[in-house]
C-alpha atoms as a PDB file:
ATOM      1  CA  MET A   1     160.674  55.976 150.170  1.00  0.00           C
ATOM      2  CA  LYS A   2     160.702  59.741 150.052  1.00  0.00           C
ATOM      3  CA  ALA A   3     162.434  62.150 147.691  1.00  0.00           C
ATOM      4  CA  PHE A   4     164.992  64.661 148.976  1.00  0.00           C
ATOM      5  CA  ARG A   5     166.935  67.459 147.301  1.00  0.00           C
ATOM      6  CA  VAL A   6     170.470  67.841 148.674  1.00  0.00           C
ATOM      7  CA  VAL A   7     172.094  71.233 147.987  1.00  0.00           C
ATOM      8  CA  GLY A   8     175.648  72.343 148.723  1.00  0.00           C
ATOM      9  CA  THR A   9     179.132  72.815 147.293  1.00  0.00           C
ATOM     10  CA  PHE A  10     182.297  70.817 146.833  1.00  0.00           C
ATOM     11  CA  ASN A  11     185.935  71.816 146.437  1.00  0.00           C
ATOM     12  CA  ASP A  12     187.005  72.248 142.809  1.00  0.00           C
ATOM     13  CA  ALA A  13     190.217  74.110 142.028  1.00  0.00           C
ATOM     14  CA  ARG A  14     189.179  74.550 138.398  1.00  0.00           C
ATOM     15  CA  GLN A  15     186.365  76.889 139.423  1.00  0.00           C
ATOM     16  CA  GLU A  16     186.945  80.626 139.867  1.00  0.00           C
ATOM     17  CA  LYS A  17     186.120  80.650 143.593  1.00  0.00           C
ATOM     18  CA  GLY A  18     187.308  77.109 144.270  1.00  0.00           C
ATOM     19  CA  LYS A  19     183.786  75.795 144.934  1.00  0.00           C
ATOM     20  CA  GLN A  20     181.338  74.002 142.647  1.00  0.00           C
ATOM     21  CA  PRO A  21     177.663  74.232 143.644  1.00  0.00           C
ATOM     22  CA  PHE A  22     175.470  71.133 143.315  1.00  0.00           C
ATOM     23  CA  SER A  23     171.859  70.087 143.697  1.00  0.00           C
ATOM     24  CA  ILE A  24     171.032  66.384 143.578  1.00  0.00           C
ATOM     25  CA  GLU A  25     167.769  64.474 144.050  1.00  0.00           C
ATOM     26  CA  ILE A  26     167.917  61.343 146.179  1.00  0.00           C
ATOM     27  CA  ALA A  27     165.256  58.726 147.005  1.00  0.00           C
ATOM     28  CA  ASP A  28     165.755  57.385 150.525  1.00  0.00           C
ATOM     29  CA  VAL A  29     163.991  56.732 153.826  1.00  0.00           C
ATOM     30  CA  SER A  30     165.378  59.580 155.968  1.00  0.00           C
ATOM     31  CA  VAL A  31     167.323  62.842 155.836  1.00  0.00           C
ATOM     32  CA  GLU A  32     170.436  61.218 157.309  1.00  0.00           C
ATOM     33  CA  ALA A  33     170.321  58.408 154.757  1.00  0.00           C
ATOM     34  CA  ALA A  34     169.894  60.952 151.936  1.00  0.00           C
ATOM     35  CA  LYS A  35     172.993  62.844 153.151  1.00  0.00           C
ATOM     36  CA  GLU A  36     175.018  59.633 153.182  1.00  0.00           C
ATOM     37  CA  GLN A  37     173.819  58.709 149.690  1.00  0.00           C
ATOM     38  CA  ALA A  38     174.704  62.189 148.372  1.00  0.00           C
ATOM     39  CA  LEU A  39     178.206  61.996 149.872  1.00  0.00           C
ATOM     40  CA  SER A  40     178.696  58.546 148.380  1.00  0.00           C
ATOM     41  CA  THR A  41     177.401  59.524 144.939  1.00  0.00           C
ATOM     42  CA  LEU A  42     179.385  62.761 144.648  1.00  0.00           C
ATOM     43  CA  GLY A  43     182.537  61.123 145.974  1.00  0.00           C
ATOM     44  CA  SER A  44     182.244  58.362 143.426  1.00  0.00           C
ATOM     45  CA  ARG A  45     181.424  60.594 140.452  1.00  0.00           C
ATOM     46  CA  HIS A  46     184.020  63.299 141.134  1.00  0.00           C
ATOM     47  CA  LYS A  47     186.716  61.408 143.090  1.00  0.00           C
ATOM     48  CA  LEU A  48     186.125  63.516 146.223  1.00  0.00           C
ATOM     49  CA  LYS A  49     186.695  62.800 149.883  1.00  0.00           C
ATOM     50  CA  ARG A  50     183.822  63.415 152.307  1.00  0.00           C
ATOM     51  CA  TRP A  51     185.571  66.424 153.856  1.00  0.00           C
ATOM     52  CA  GLN A  52     185.629  68.108 150.419  1.00  0.00           C
ATOM     53  CA  ILE A  53     181.799  68.120 150.211  1.00  0.00           C
ATOM     54  CA  GLN A  54     179.754  70.690 152.148  1.00  0.00           C
ATOM     55  CA  ILE A  55     176.015  70.026 152.395  1.00  0.00           C
ATOM     56  CA  ALA A  56     174.033  73.249 152.945  1.00  0.00           C
ATOM     57  CA  GLU A  57     170.495  71.850 153.143  1.00  0.00           C
ATOM     58  CA  VAL A  58     168.349  68.787 152.620  1.00  0.00           C
ATOM     59  CA  THR A  59     164.684  69.349 151.745  1.00  0.00           C
ATOM     60  CA  ASP A  60     161.713  67.119 150.984  1.00  0.00           C
ATOM     61  CA  VAL A  61     160.549  67.133 147.369  1.00  0.00           C
ATOM     62  CA  ALA A  62     156.880  66.679 146.502  1.00  0.00           C
ATOM     63  CA  GLU A  63     156.083  63.879 144.045  1.00  0.00           C
ATOM     64  CA  ALA A  64     154.939  66.392 141.420  1.00  0.00           C
ATOM     65  CA  ASP A  65     158.239  68.331 141.632  1.00  0.00           C
ATOM     66  CA  ILE A  66     160.633  65.393 141.116  1.00  0.00           C
ATOM     67  CA  THR A  67     162.715  65.884 137.946  1.00  0.00           C
ATOM     68  CA  ASN A  68     164.978  62.812 138.051  1.00  0.00           C
ATOM     69  CA  PRO A  69     163.145  59.854 136.422  1.00  0.00           C
ATOM     70  CA  VAL A  70     165.011  57.252 138.500  1.00  0.00           C
ATOM     71  CA  VAL A  71     164.057  58.977 141.768  1.00  0.00           C
ATOM     72  CA  LYS A  72     160.461  59.369 140.557  1.00  0.00           C
ATOM     73  CA  TYR A  73     160.257  55.640 139.808  1.00  0.00           C
ATOM     74  CA  LYS A  74     161.653  54.708 143.235  1.00  0.00           C
ATOM     75  CA  VAL A  75     159.185  57.000 145.021  1.00  0.00           C
ATOM     76  CA  THR A  76     155.991  56.475 143.011  1.00  0.00           C
ATOM     77  CA  GLY A  77     156.592  53.177 141.213  1.00  0.00           C
ATOM     78  CA  GLU A  78     155.535  54.717 137.902  1.00  0.00           C
END
């Protein structure tokens, strides 16, 4: 498994500009799988449809830079 940081925005009418920025860490095997997991997670947490989520970038995260303890455990086993 590798760690990825998915960055983007989603539609939120409560925000001033109608967009809410997000950055989420995901542990998965590929960039495409990390995108799918991010869409699934954000949709579930915020009751969003996939078309309401815009992913700007997906980057690899080094093991030392992982902040989410669940992702760190999945990647390193520690």
